[in-house]
């Protein structure tokens, strides 16, 4: 009898990683039609909610502690189930770190097509997530599972932060330097993987980046010169930078030539290998990103490329930018870069000049 071959995880889903996110413009329309979002004044203890697209909600418990709460999950970005679990868990915990918090506990979100995936494969996904939680020093304390048409995995992540150390995505000031903690191109490489065009070397580089915890966020939160912080995920660098700029009513100049890239990203984009999410992202906010007429066409796809478990993005006082960059390097983020500067916005409109 012929042995049954397990399907590739990427063949079981229509999207992958943070590229599964609803496009920014459609998401905004959906939210505007919903009444579930409470205005900030409903609770004085709610220090961060959904009003400025922050990475997590923050609720004051007392004068010394605030609870950081977030949830993040998606469909497979890779075919190895253990790697899928690791990437998804690392990505979910990043939202706690991006607020300046320290994770204390996580719960698993599990949706699997039981008829198509064996218990061994599903268990490997969960093991990957559990191992990341263990490396972060927190318990994976339970969760919830359902039988779905496509595989889904992620975490509810809970953390703590001192109320004075919360770092929101707003707060950027004119002249601040923009620092990016990880290289770009995760979406491009995931698209190449799905087409069977990603080398083992480049897969290893992508995996190394997407499973590296942004745990230095708690340290950076205590640095007064760090005025704003977020992480770059499914809306791409341009999308998450625009969220930061809109919250502060600022603009920015990004030096595209300084952006750190994962291996072979430019070559894959120039060969037409990009995700569908990249086009949706650009359609949502491309009118607010100004590219020189002479710029290469691949810049647009890079700026809108959806990152999964991407790097921290900071707005930092220019006098301390090199010092903060050294913190990244000391913590193993060798590809961290100064990528641009915050500008005063014209008429309050957040725009990016490249």
C-alpha atoms as a PDB file:
ATOM      1  CA  UNK A   1       0.000   0.000   0.000  1.00  0.00           C
ATOM      2  CA  UNK A   2       1.358   3.429  -0.961  1.00  0.00           C
ATOM      3  CA  UNK A   3       2.165   5.660   1.976  1.00  0.00           C
ATOM      4  CA  UNK A   4      -0.127   8.664   2.303  1.00  0.00           C
ATOM      5  CA  UNK A   5       1.834  11.897   1.817  1.00  0.00           C
ATOM      6  CA  UNK A   6       0.979  14.704   4.207  1.00  0.00           C
ATOM      7  CA  UNK A   7      -0.037  17.911   2.387  1.00  0.00           C
ATOM      8  CA  UNK A   8       2.170  20.995   2.517  1.00  0.00           C
ATOM      9  CA  UNK A   9       0.821  23.396   5.117  1.00  0.00           C
ATOM     10  CA  UNK A  10       0.922  26.256   2.615  1.00  0.00           C
ATOM     11  CA  UNK A  11      -1.327  24.249   0.281  1.00  0.00           C
ATOM     12  CA  UNK A  12      -4.003  24.115   2.988  1.00  0.00           C
ATOM     13  CA  UNK A  13      -4.452  27.876   3.230  1.00  0.00           C
ATOM     14  CA  UNK A  14      -5.194  30.735   0.855  1.00  0.00           C
ATOM     15  CA  UNK A  15      -2.735  33.072   2.599  1.00  0.00           C
ATOM     16  CA  UNK A  16       0.098  32.941   5.056  1.00  0.00           C
ATOM     17  CA  UNK A  17       1.567  34.761   8.041  1.00  0.00           C
ATOM     18  CA  UNK A  18       0.721  38.400   8.599  1.00  0.00           C
ATOM     19  CA  UNK A  19      -0.102  38.625   4.890  1.00  0.00           C
ATOM     20  CA  UNK A  20      -3.475  37.183   5.970  1.00  0.00           C
ATOM     21  CA  UNK A  21      -4.400  40.526   7.511  1.00  0.00           C
ATOM     22  CA  UNK A  22      -7.388  42.398   6.152  1.00  0.00           C
ATOM     23  CA  UNK A  23      -6.152  45.302   4.008  1.00  0.00           C
ATOM     24  CA  UNK A  24      -5.738  48.545   6.020  1.00  0.00           C
ATOM     25  CA  UNK A  25      -8.401  50.528   4.163  1.00  0.00           C
ATOM     26  CA  UNK A  26     -10.996  47.735   4.349  1.00  0.00           C
ATOM     27  CA  UNK A  27     -10.221  47.162   8.015  1.00  0.00           C
ATOM     28  CA  UNK A  28     -10.778  50.841   8.734  1.00  0.00           C
ATOM     29  CA  UNK A  29     -14.132  50.729   6.931  1.00  0.00           C
ATOM     30  CA  UNK A  30     -15.188  47.664   8.913  1.00  0.00           C
ATOM     31  CA  UNK A  31     -14.207  49.286  12.200  1.00  0.00           C
ATOM     32  CA  UNK A  32     -16.076  52.482  11.355  1.00  0.00           C
ATOM     33  CA  UNK A  33     -19.221  50.426  10.785  1.00  0.00           C
ATOM     34  CA  UNK A  34     -18.846  48.715  14.146  1.00  0.00           C
ATOM     35  CA  UNK A  35     -19.835  49.981  17.564  1.00  0.00           C
ATOM     36  CA  UNK A  36     -17.656  47.641  19.598  1.00  0.00           C
ATOM     37  CA  UNK A  37     -14.821  50.134  20.046  1.00  0.00           C
ATOM     38  CA  UNK A  38     -15.217  52.118  23.248  1.00  0.00           C
ATOM     39  CA  UNK A  39     -14.128  55.755  23.322  1.00  0.00           C
ATOM     40  CA  UNK A  40     -11.037  56.385  25.484  1.00  0.00           C
ATOM     41  CA  UNK A  41     -12.980  58.216  28.220  1.00  0.00           C
ATOM     42  CA  UNK A  42     -15.077  55.139  29.103  1.00  0.00           C
ATOM     43  CA  UNK A  43     -12.365  53.949  31.488  1.00  0.00           C
ATOM     44  CA  UNK A  44      -9.556  56.064  32.895  1.00  0.00           C
ATOM     45  CA  UNK A  45      -7.680  52.835  33.530  1.00  0.00           C
ATOM     46  CA  UNK A  46      -7.538  52.008  29.804  1.00  0.00           C
ATOM     47  CA  UNK A  47      -4.180  53.546  28.929  1.00  0.00           C
ATOM     48  CA  UNK A  48      -4.019  52.271  25.332  1.00  0.00           C
ATOM     49  CA  UNK A  49      -6.861  50.991  23.203  1.00  0.00           C
ATOM     50  CA  UNK A  50      -7.690  50.920  19.515  1.00  0.00           C
ATOM     51  CA  UNK A  51      -7.884  54.646  18.829  1.00  0.00           C
ATOM     52  CA  UNK A  52      -4.356  54.921  17.349  1.00  0.00           C
ATOM     53  CA  UNK A  53      -3.778  51.358  16.111  1.00  0.00           C
ATOM     54  CA  UNK A  54      -1.380  50.543  18.936  1.00  0.00           C
ATOM     55  CA  UNK A  55       0.059  47.032  19.059  1.00  0.00           C
ATOM     56  CA  UNK A  56      -1.750  45.990  22.244  1.00  0.00           C
ATOM     57  CA  UNK A  57      -4.279  47.212  24.774  1.00  0.00           C
ATOM     58  CA  UNK A  58      -2.917  48.435  28.108  1.00  0.00           C
ATOM     59  CA  UNK A  59      -4.979  48.571  31.314  1.00  0.00           C
ATOM     60  CA  UNK A  60      -3.714  50.162  34.536  1.00  0.00           C
ATOM     61  CA  UNK A  61      -3.850  47.765  37.492  1.00  0.00           C
ATOM     62  CA  UNK A  62      -2.222  50.055  40.043  1.00  0.00           C
ATOM     63  CA  UNK A  63       0.443  52.773  40.263  1.00  0.00           C
ATOM     64  CA  UNK A  64       3.223  50.291  39.510  1.00  0.00           C
ATOM     65  CA  UNK A  65       1.681  47.860  37.045  1.00  0.00           C
ATOM     66  CA  UNK A  66      -0.373  47.880  33.866  1.00  0.00           C
ATOM     67  CA  UNK A  67      -1.642  44.829  31.996  1.00  0.00           C
ATOM     68  CA  UNK A  68      -0.644  44.500  28.321  1.00  0.00           C
ATOM     69  CA  UNK A  69      -3.075  42.301  26.367  1.00  0.00           C
ATOM     70  CA  UNK A  70      -2.986  41.259  22.726  1.00  0.00           C
ATOM     71  CA  UNK A  71      -3.910  38.425  20.384  1.00  0.00           C
ATOM     72  CA  UNK A  72      -2.372  37.417  17.073  1.00  0.00           C
ATOM     73  CA  UNK A  73      -2.850  34.389  14.839  1.00  0.00           C
ATOM     74  CA  UNK A  74      -2.585  33.469  11.177  1.00  0.00           C
ATOM     75  CA  UNK A  75      -2.340  30.693   8.603  1.00  0.00           C
ATOM     76  CA  UNK A  76       0.954  28.951   7.759  1.00  0.00           C
ATOM     77  CA  UNK A  77       3.790  30.992   6.304  1.00  0.00           C
ATOM     78  CA  UNK A  78       6.041  27.902   6.067  1.00  0.00           C
ATOM     79  CA  UNK A  79       5.465  24.186   5.504  1.00  0.00           C
ATOM     80  CA  UNK A  80       7.336  22.830   8.515  1.00  0.00           C
ATOM     81  CA  UNK A  81       4.734  22.617  11.324  1.00  0.00           C
ATOM     82  CA  UNK A  82       7.243  23.184  14.130  1.00  0.00           C
ATOM     83  CA  UNK A  83       8.622  26.287  12.401  1.00  0.00           C
ATOM     84  CA  UNK A  84       5.066  27.534  11.815  1.00  0.00           C
ATOM     85  CA  UNK A  85       4.354  27.312  15.540  1.00  0.00           C
ATOM     86  CA  UNK A  86       7.587  29.084  16.443  1.00  0.00           C
ATOM     87  CA  UNK A  87       7.018  31.961  14.016  1.00  0.00           C
ATOM     88  CA  UNK A  88       3.396  32.481  15.060  1.00  0.00           C
ATOM     89  CA  UNK A  89       4.261  32.541  18.767  1.00  0.00           C
ATOM     90  CA  UNK A  90       7.228  34.888  18.280  1.00  0.00           C
ATOM     91  CA  UNK A  91       5.025  37.218  16.267  1.00  0.00           C
ATOM     92  CA  UNK A  92       2.280  37.283  18.915  1.00  0.00           C
ATOM     93  CA  UNK A  93       4.665  38.055  21.780  1.00  0.00           C
ATOM     94  CA  UNK A  94       6.179  40.906  19.777  1.00  0.00           C
ATOM     95  CA  UNK A  95       3.107  43.073  20.381  1.00  0.00           C
ATOM     96  CA  UNK A  96       3.735  42.966  24.137  1.00  0.00           C
ATOM     97  CA  UNK A  97       7.377  43.902  23.645  1.00  0.00           C
ATOM     98  CA  UNK A  98       6.406  46.712  21.241  1.00  0.00           C
ATOM     99  CA  UNK A  99       4.406  48.358  24.040  1.00  0.00           C
ATOM    100  CA  UNK A 100       7.410  48.163  26.349  1.00  0.00           C
ATOM    101  CA  UNK A 101       6.005  45.226  28.283  1.00  0.00           C
ATOM    102  CA  UNK A 102       7.319  41.905  29.561  1.00  0.00           C
ATOM    103  CA  UNK A 103       5.177  38.845  28.743  1.00  0.00           C
ATOM    104  CA  UNK A 104       3.952  36.848  31.743  1.00  0.00           C
ATOM    105  CA  UNK A 105       1.592  34.264  30.213  1.00  0.00           C
ATOM    106  CA  UNK A 106       0.107  33.093  26.918  1.00  0.00           C
ATOM    107  CA  UNK A 107      -2.893  31.095  25.706  1.00  0.00           C
ATOM    108  CA  UNK A 108      -2.931  29.181  22.419  1.00  0.00           C
ATOM    109  CA  UNK A 109      -5.391  29.852  19.594  1.00  0.00           C
ATOM    110  CA  UNK A 110      -5.702  26.674  17.516  1.00  0.00           C
ATOM    111  CA  UNK A 111      -7.812  26.026  14.439  1.00  0.00           C
ATOM    112  CA  UNK A 112      -6.895  22.954  12.387  1.00  0.00           C
ATOM    113  CA  UNK A 113      -8.501  20.967   9.535  1.00  0.00           C
ATOM    114  CA  UNK A 114      -8.628  17.698  11.439  1.00  0.00           C
ATOM    115  CA  UNK A 115      -9.448  15.633   8.345  1.00  0.00           C
ATOM    116  CA  UNK A 116      -6.319  16.841   6.560  1.00  0.00           C
ATOM    117  CA  UNK A 117      -3.720  17.105   9.340  1.00  0.00           C
ATOM    118  CA  UNK A 118      -2.539  14.303  11.580  1.00  0.00           C
ATOM    119  CA  UNK A 119      -2.313  14.649  15.375  1.00  0.00           C
ATOM    120  CA  UNK A 120       1.477  14.427  15.011  1.00  0.00           C
ATOM    121  CA  UNK A 121       1.619  17.425  12.671  1.00  0.00           C
ATOM    122  CA  UNK A 122      -0.764  19.497  14.790  1.00  0.00           C
ATOM    123  CA  UNK A 123       1.192  18.570  17.892  1.00  0.00           C
ATOM    124  CA  UNK A 124       4.374  19.780  16.224  1.00  0.00           C
ATOM    125  CA  UNK A 125       2.784  23.195  15.577  1.00  0.00           C
ATOM    126  CA  UNK A 126       1.814  23.464  19.222  1.00  0.00           C
ATOM    127  CA  UNK A 127       5.256  22.313  20.339  1.00  0.00           C
ATOM    128  CA  UNK A 128       6.877  25.092  18.327  1.00  0.00           C
ATOM    129  CA  UNK A 129       4.704  27.676  20.051  1.00  0.00           C
ATOM    130  CA  UNK A 130       5.326  26.166  23.477  1.00  0.00           C
ATOM    131  CA  UNK A 131       9.101  26.193  22.953  1.00  0.00           C
ATOM    132  CA  UNK A 132       9.051  29.897  22.072  1.00  0.00           C
ATOM    133  CA  UNK A 133       7.023  30.657  25.197  1.00  0.00           C
ATOM    134  CA  UNK A 134       9.536  28.664  27.205  1.00  0.00           C
ATOM    135  CA  UNK A 135      12.427  30.672  25.723  1.00  0.00           C
ATOM    136  CA  UNK A 136      10.530  33.865  26.625  1.00  0.00           C
ATOM    137  CA  UNK A 137      10.290  32.598  30.203  1.00  0.00           C
ATOM    138  CA  UNK A 138       6.502  32.322  30.330  1.00  0.00           C
ATOM    139  CA  UNK A 139       3.958  29.504  30.627  1.00  0.00           C
ATOM    140  CA  UNK A 140       1.679  28.527  27.773  1.00  0.00           C
ATOM    141  CA  UNK A 141      -1.209  28.085  30.154  1.00  0.00           C
ATOM    142  CA  UNK A 142      -3.984  26.707  27.945  1.00  0.00           C
ATOM    143  CA  UNK A 143      -6.035  27.950  25.038  1.00  0.00           C
ATOM    144  CA  UNK A 144      -8.877  27.020  22.722  1.00  0.00           C
ATOM    145  CA  UNK A 145      -9.089  24.779  19.633  1.00  0.00           C
ATOM    146  CA  UNK A 146     -11.606  24.268  16.836  1.00  0.00           C
ATOM    147  CA  UNK A 147     -11.870  22.219  13.643  1.00  0.00           C
ATOM    148  CA  UNK A 148     -11.430  24.626  10.707  1.00  0.00           C
ATOM    149  CA  UNK A 149     -11.091  24.530   6.931  1.00  0.00           C
ATOM    150  CA  UNK A 150      -7.593  26.041   7.058  1.00  0.00           C
ATOM    151  CA  UNK A 151      -4.850  25.749   9.685  1.00  0.00           C
ATOM    152  CA  UNK A 152      -4.639  28.680  12.105  1.00  0.00           C
ATOM    153  CA  UNK A 153      -2.315  29.152  15.055  1.00  0.00           C
ATOM    154  CA  UNK A 154      -1.373  32.000  17.363  1.00  0.00           C
ATOM    155  CA  UNK A 155      -1.456  33.270  20.918  1.00  0.00           C
ATOM    156  CA  UNK A 156      -3.265  35.473  23.341  1.00  0.00           C
ATOM    157  CA  UNK A 157      -0.301  37.175  25.023  1.00  0.00           C
ATOM    158  CA  UNK A 158      -0.455  38.926  28.378  1.00  0.00           C
ATOM    159  CA  UNK A 159       2.287  41.054  29.878  1.00  0.00           C
ATOM    160  CA  UNK A 160       3.085  43.695  32.449  1.00  0.00           C
ATOM    161  CA  UNK A 161       4.607  47.159  32.146  1.00  0.00           C
ATOM    162  CA  UNK A 162       5.096  50.094  34.477  1.00  0.00           C
ATOM    163  CA  UNK A 163       2.531  52.751  33.453  1.00  0.00           C
ATOM    164  CA  UNK A 164       5.328  55.292  33.008  1.00  0.00           C
ATOM    165  CA  UNK A 165       7.214  53.018  30.619  1.00  0.00           C
ATOM    166  CA  UNK A 166       4.448  52.353  28.085  1.00  0.00           C
ATOM    167  CA  UNK A 167       5.652  53.047  24.548  1.00  0.00           C
ATOM    168  CA  UNK A 168       2.850  53.849  22.117  1.00  0.00           C
ATOM    169  CA  UNK A 169       3.154  54.262  18.369  1.00  0.00           C
ATOM    170  CA  UNK A 170       2.407  57.995  18.742  1.00  0.00           C
ATOM    171  CA  UNK A 171       4.827  60.507  20.193  1.00  0.00           C
ATOM    172  CA  UNK A 172       7.277  60.940  17.318  1.00  0.00           C
ATOM    173  CA  UNK A 173       8.772  64.440  17.130  1.00  0.00           C
ATOM    174  CA  UNK A 174      10.260  66.414  14.216  1.00  0.00           C
ATOM    175  CA  UNK A 175      13.900  65.481  13.748  1.00  0.00           C
ATOM    176  CA  UNK A 176      13.579  62.067  15.419  1.00  0.00           C
ATOM    177  CA  UNK A 177      15.572  59.333  13.726  1.00  0.00           C
ATOM    178  CA  UNK A 178      13.681  56.235  12.615  1.00  0.00           C
ATOM    179  CA  UNK A 179      15.320  52.974  13.664  1.00  0.00           C
ATOM    180  CA  UNK A 180      14.318  49.558  12.302  1.00  0.00           C
ATOM    181  CA  UNK A 181      15.325  46.412  14.189  1.00  0.00           C
ATOM    182  CA  UNK A 182      15.041  43.624  11.581  1.00  0.00           C
ATOM    183  CA  UNK A 183      15.606  43.182   7.854  1.00  0.00           C
ATOM    184  CA  UNK A 184      12.654  43.370   5.445  1.00  0.00           C
ATOM    185  CA  UNK A 185      11.381  40.889   2.884  1.00  0.00           C
ATOM    186  CA  UNK A 186       9.614  38.145   4.850  1.00  0.00           C
ATOM    187  CA  UNK A 187       6.544  38.304   2.601  1.00  0.00           C
ATOM    188  CA  UNK A 188       8.646  38.080  -0.547  1.00  0.00           C
ATOM    189  CA  UNK A 189      10.592  35.073   0.723  1.00  0.00           C
ATOM    190  CA  UNK A 190       7.407  33.336   1.854  1.00  0.00           C
ATOM    191  CA  UNK A 191       6.017  33.796  -1.665  1.00  0.00           C
ATOM    192  CA  UNK A 192       9.210  32.330  -3.107  1.00  0.00           C
ATOM    193  CA  UNK A 193       8.920  29.385  -0.706  1.00  0.00           C
ATOM    194  CA  UNK A 194       5.362  28.658  -1.827  1.00  0.00           C
ATOM    195  CA  UNK A 195       6.578  28.590  -5.456  1.00  0.00           C
ATOM    196  CA  UNK A 196       9.480  26.279  -4.567  1.00  0.00           C
ATOM    197  CA  UNK A 197      12.046  28.970  -5.382  1.00  0.00           C
ATOM    198  CA  UNK A 198      13.563  29.647  -1.961  1.00  0.00           C
ATOM    199  CA  UNK A 199      17.010  28.232  -1.259  1.00  0.00           C
ATOM    200  CA  UNK A 200      17.828  26.470   2.005  1.00  0.00           C
ATOM    201  CA  UNK A 201      20.200  29.332   2.904  1.00  0.00           C
ATOM    202  CA  UNK A 202      17.539  31.979   2.395  1.00  0.00           C
ATOM    203  CA  UNK A 203      14.940  29.918   4.267  1.00  0.00           C
ATOM    204  CA  UNK A 204      17.315  29.710   7.222  1.00  0.00           C
ATOM    205  CA  UNK A 205      17.797  33.498   7.151  1.00  0.00           C
ATOM    206  CA  UNK A 206      14.033  34.064   7.092  1.00  0.00           C
ATOM    207  CA  UNK A 207      13.494  31.595   9.940  1.00  0.00           C
ATOM    208  CA  UNK A 208      16.252  33.150  12.034  1.00  0.00           C
ATOM    209  CA  UNK A 209      14.635  36.578  11.665  1.00  0.00           C
ATOM    210  CA  UNK A 210      11.033  35.522  12.267  1.00  0.00           C
ATOM    211  CA  UNK A 211      11.834  33.467  15.368  1.00  0.00           C
ATOM    212  CA  UNK A 212      13.992  36.121  17.064  1.00  0.00           C
ATOM    213  CA  UNK A 213      12.074  37.613  19.974  1.00  0.00           C
ATOM    214  CA  UNK A 214      11.865  41.408  20.146  1.00  0.00           C
ATOM    215  CA  UNK A 215      12.454  41.102  23.887  1.00  0.00           C
ATOM    216  CA  UNK A 216      14.655  44.219  24.042  1.00  0.00           C
ATOM    217  CA  UNK A 217      11.418  46.239  23.800  1.00  0.00           C
ATOM    218  CA  UNK A 218      11.209  46.329  27.587  1.00  0.00           C
ATOM    219  CA  UNK A 219      14.719  47.754  27.819  1.00  0.00           C
ATOM    220  CA  UNK A 220      14.059  50.335  25.122  1.00  0.00           C
ATOM    221  CA  UNK A 221      10.846  51.412  26.853  1.00  0.00           C
ATOM    222  CA  UNK A 222      12.892  52.720  29.745  1.00  0.00           C
ATOM    223  CA  UNK A 223      14.948  54.982  27.475  1.00  0.00           C
ATOM    224  CA  UNK A 224      13.473  58.487  27.626  1.00  0.00           C
ATOM    225  CA  UNK A 225      14.817  59.414  24.191  1.00  0.00           C
ATOM    226  CA  UNK A 226      12.680  56.680  22.561  1.00  0.00           C
ATOM    227  CA  UNK A 227       9.570  58.718  21.767  1.00  0.00           C
ATOM    228  CA  UNK A 228       7.510  56.072  19.950  1.00  0.00           C
ATOM    229  CA  UNK A 229       7.673  52.347  19.219  1.00  0.00           C
ATOM    230  CA  UNK A 230       5.759  49.775  17.191  1.00  0.00           C
ATOM    231  CA  UNK A 231       6.561  46.612  15.264  1.00  0.00           C
ATOM    232  CA  UNK A 232       6.387  46.074  11.523  1.00  0.00           C
ATOM    233  CA  UNK A 233       4.024  43.282  10.513  1.00  0.00           C
ATOM    234  CA  UNK A 234       1.294  42.671   7.948  1.00  0.00           C
ATOM    235  CA  UNK A 235       0.795  46.225   6.643  1.00  0.00           C
ATOM    236  CA  UNK A 236       4.460  46.477   5.657  1.00  0.00           C
ATOM    237  CA  UNK A 237       7.010  49.107   6.649  1.00  0.00           C
ATOM    238  CA  UNK A 238       5.083  51.934   4.978  1.00  0.00           C
ATOM    239  CA  UNK A 239       1.773  50.933   6.549  1.00  0.00           C
ATOM    240  CA  UNK A 240       3.032  50.717  10.108  1.00  0.00           C
ATOM    241  CA  UNK A 241       5.155  53.839   9.758  1.00  0.00           C
ATOM    242  CA  UNK A 242       2.070  55.708   8.545  1.00  0.00           C
ATOM    243  CA  UNK A 243       0.184  54.531  11.657  1.00  0.00           C
ATOM    244  CA  UNK A 244       3.003  55.967  13.754  1.00  0.00           C
ATOM    245  CA  UNK A 245       3.003  59.246  11.832  1.00  0.00           C
ATOM    246  CA  UNK A 246      -0.789  59.652  11.905  1.00  0.00           C
ATOM    247  CA  UNK A 247      -0.844  59.157  15.661  1.00  0.00           C
ATOM    248  CA  UNK A 248       1.719  61.970  16.014  1.00  0.00           C
ATOM    249  CA  UNK A 249       0.474  64.155  13.102  1.00  0.00           C
ATOM    250  CA  UNK A 250       3.914  63.929  11.501  1.00  0.00           C
ATOM    251  CA  UNK A 251       5.544  63.036   8.195  1.00  0.00           C
ATOM    252  CA  UNK A 252       8.784  61.202   7.420  1.00  0.00           C
ATOM    253  CA  UNK A 253      11.666  60.887   4.995  1.00  0.00           C
ATOM    254  CA  UNK A 254      12.747  57.271   4.476  1.00  0.00           C
ATOM    255  CA  UNK A 255      16.077  56.460   2.858  1.00  0.00           C
ATOM    256  CA  UNK A 256      15.169  53.313   0.936  1.00  0.00           C
ATOM    257  CA  UNK A 257      18.799  52.590   0.093  1.00  0.00           C
ATOM    258  CA  UNK A 258      19.478  52.171   3.835  1.00  0.00           C
ATOM    259  CA  UNK A 259      16.718  49.614   4.442  1.00  0.00           C
ATOM    260  CA  UNK A 260      18.121  46.241   5.586  1.00  0.00           C
ATOM    261  CA  UNK A 261      16.997  43.336   3.399  1.00  0.00           C
ATOM    262  CA  UNK A 262      16.902  39.595   3.872  1.00  0.00           C
ATOM    263  CA  UNK A 263      18.924  37.615   1.275  1.00  0.00           C
ATOM    264  CA  UNK A 264      17.748  37.633  -2.357  1.00  0.00           C
ATOM    265  CA  UNK A 265      14.713  39.831  -1.649  1.00  0.00           C
ATOM    266  CA  UNK A 266      15.425  42.385  -4.351  1.00  0.00           C
ATOM    267  CA  UNK A 267      16.078  39.679  -6.951  1.00  0.00           C
ATOM    268  CA  UNK A 268      12.809  37.908  -6.118  1.00  0.00           C
ATOM    269  CA  UNK A 269      10.780  41.142  -6.316  1.00  0.00           C
ATOM    270  CA  UNK A 270      12.339  42.035  -9.662  1.00  0.00           C
ATOM    271  CA  UNK A 271      11.362  38.551 -10.851  1.00  0.00           C
ATOM    272  CA  UNK A 272       7.743  39.309  -9.913  1.00  0.00           C
ATOM    273  CA  UNK A 273       7.593  37.214  -6.747  1.00  0.00           C
ATOM    274  CA  UNK A 274       5.462  39.162  -4.271  1.00  0.00           C
ATOM    275  CA  UNK A 275       2.400  38.471  -2.139  1.00  0.00           C
ATOM    276  CA  UNK A 276      -1.140  39.526  -2.955  1.00  0.00           C
ATOM    277  CA  UNK A 277      -1.168  41.378   0.368  1.00  0.00           C
ATOM    278  CA  UNK A 278       1.528  43.725  -0.921  1.00  0.00           C
ATOM    279  CA  UNK A 279      -0.769  45.019  -3.662  1.00  0.00           C
ATOM    280  CA  UNK A 280      -3.683  45.341  -1.224  1.00  0.00           C
ATOM    281  CA  UNK A 281      -1.493  47.265   1.187  1.00  0.00           C
ATOM    282  CA  UNK A 282      -0.339  49.686  -1.489  1.00  0.00           C
ATOM    283  CA  UNK A 283      -3.875  50.242  -2.714  1.00  0.00           C
ATOM    284  CA  UNK A 284      -4.811  51.202   0.847  1.00  0.00           C
ATOM    285  CA  UNK A 285      -2.091  53.785   1.503  1.00  0.00           C
ATOM    286  CA  UNK A 286       0.041  54.278  -1.609  1.00  0.00           C
ATOM    287  CA  UNK A 287      -1.390  57.772  -2.078  1.00  0.00           C
ATOM    288  CA  UNK A 288       0.461  58.835   1.086  1.00  0.00           C
ATOM    289  CA  UNK A 289       3.866  57.473  -0.008  1.00  0.00           C
ATOM    290  CA  UNK A 290       5.812  59.663  -2.432  1.00  0.00           C
ATOM    291  CA  UNK A 291       8.405  57.879  -4.549  1.00  0.00           C
ATOM    292  CA  UNK A 292      10.786  59.764  -6.876  1.00  0.00           C
ATOM    293  CA  UNK A 293       9.961  59.330 -10.562  1.00  0.00           C
ATOM    294  CA  UNK A 294      13.411  57.816 -11.013  1.00  0.00           C
ATOM    295  CA  UNK A 295      12.989  55.215  -8.261  1.00  0.00           C
ATOM    296  CA  UNK A 296      13.123  51.527  -9.267  1.00  0.00           C
ATOM    297  CA  UNK A 297       9.752  49.791  -9.463  1.00  0.00           C
ATOM    298  CA  UNK A 298      10.694  47.215  -6.806  1.00  0.00           C
ATOM    299  CA  UNK A 299      10.757  49.877  -4.073  1.00  0.00           C
ATOM    300  CA  UNK A 300       6.961  49.954  -3.936  1.00  0.00           C
ATOM    301  CA  UNK A 301       6.697  46.200  -3.390  1.00  0.00           C
ATOM    302  CA  UNK A 302       9.370  46.339  -0.710  1.00  0.00           C
ATOM    303  CA  UNK A 303       7.702  49.143   1.257  1.00  0.00           C
ATOM    304  CA  UNK A 304       4.326  47.364   1.191  1.00  0.00           C
ATOM    305  CA  UNK A 305       5.673  43.827   1.710  1.00  0.00           C
ATOM    306  CA  UNK A 306       3.839  42.212   4.658  1.00  0.00           C
ATOM    307  CA  UNK A 307       6.260  41.267   7.413  1.00  0.00           C
ATOM    308  CA  UNK A 308       5.590  38.394   9.768  1.00  0.00           C
ATOM    309  CA  UNK A 309       7.296  38.697  13.146  1.00  0.00           C
ATOM    310  CA  UNK A 310       9.063  41.802  11.855  1.00  0.00           C
ATOM    311  CA  UNK A 311      11.319  44.227  13.644  1.00  0.00           C
ATOM    312  CA  UNK A 312      10.664  47.021  16.099  1.00  0.00           C
ATOM    313  CA  UNK A 313      10.326  50.491  14.581  1.00  0.00           C
ATOM    314  CA  UNK A 314      11.348  53.402  16.791  1.00  0.00           C
ATOM    315  CA  UNK A 315      11.287  57.208  16.670  1.00  0.00           C
ATOM    316  CA  UNK A 316      14.303  58.363  18.686  1.00  0.00           C
ATOM    317  CA  UNK A 317      15.827  61.699  19.672  1.00  0.00           C
ATOM    318  CA  UNK A 318      18.635  62.264  17.111  1.00  0.00           C
ATOM    319  CA  UNK A 319      21.169  62.933  19.885  1.00  0.00           C
ATOM    320  CA  UNK A 320      20.702  59.406  21.268  1.00  0.00           C
ATOM    321  CA  UNK A 321      19.970  57.494  18.050  1.00  0.00           C
ATOM    322  CA  UNK A 322      23.432  55.915  17.797  1.00  0.00           C
ATOM    323  CA  UNK A 323      23.257  54.880  21.444  1.00  0.00           C
ATOM    324  CA  UNK A 324      19.882  53.179  20.935  1.00  0.00           C
ATOM    325  CA  UNK A 325      21.173  51.530  17.760  1.00  0.00           C
ATOM    326  CA  UNK A 326      24.002  50.070  19.845  1.00  0.00           C
ATOM    327  CA  UNK A 327      21.376  48.514  22.149  1.00  0.00           C
ATOM    328  CA  UNK A 328      19.973  46.672  19.133  1.00  0.00           C
ATOM    329  CA  UNK A 329      23.422  45.448  18.074  1.00  0.00           C
ATOM    330  CA  UNK A 330      24.340  44.358  21.605  1.00  0.00           C
ATOM    331  CA  UNK A 331      21.152  42.265  21.744  1.00  0.00           C
ATOM    332  CA  UNK A 332      21.961  40.432  18.509  1.00  0.00           C
ATOM    333  CA  UNK A 333      20.022  42.563  16.009  1.00  0.00           C
ATOM    334  CA  UNK A 334      22.947  42.963  13.621  1.00  0.00           C
ATOM    335  CA  UNK A 335      20.797  44.283  10.771  1.00  0.00           C
ATOM    336  CA  UNK A 336      19.227  47.120  12.751  1.00  0.00           C
ATOM    337  CA  UNK A 337      19.494  50.400  10.830  1.00  0.00           C
ATOM    338  CA  UNK A 338      18.788  54.107  10.979  1.00  0.00           C
ATOM    339  CA  UNK A 339      16.391  54.403   8.039  1.00  0.00           C
ATOM    340  CA  UNK A 340      15.180  58.001   8.039  1.00  0.00           C
ATOM    341  CA  UNK A 341      13.876  61.030   9.881  1.00  0.00           C
ATOM    342  CA  UNK A 342      10.555  62.332  11.205  1.00  0.00           C
ATOM    343  CA  UNK A 343       9.308  65.559   9.589  1.00  0.00           C
ATOM    344  CA  UNK A 344       6.667  68.120  10.455  1.00  0.00           C
ATOM    345  CA  UNK A 345       3.585  67.176   8.459  1.00  0.00           C
ATOM    346  CA  UNK A 346       2.053  69.560   5.931  1.00  0.00           C
ATOM    347  CA  UNK A 347      -1.463  70.476   7.053  1.00  0.00           C
ATOM    348  CA  UNK A 348      -1.290  67.640   9.580  1.00  0.00           C
ATOM    349  CA  UNK A 349      -1.359  64.940   6.882  1.00  0.00           C
ATOM    350  CA  UNK A 350       0.929  61.983   7.540  1.00  0.00           C
ATOM    351  CA  UNK A 351       3.008  61.257   4.451  1.00  0.00           C
ATOM    352  CA  UNK A 352       6.212  59.371   3.651  1.00  0.00           C
ATOM    353  CA  UNK A 353       8.796  60.780   1.241  1.00  0.00           C
ATOM    354  CA  UNK A 354      11.366  58.353  -0.183  1.00  0.00           C
END
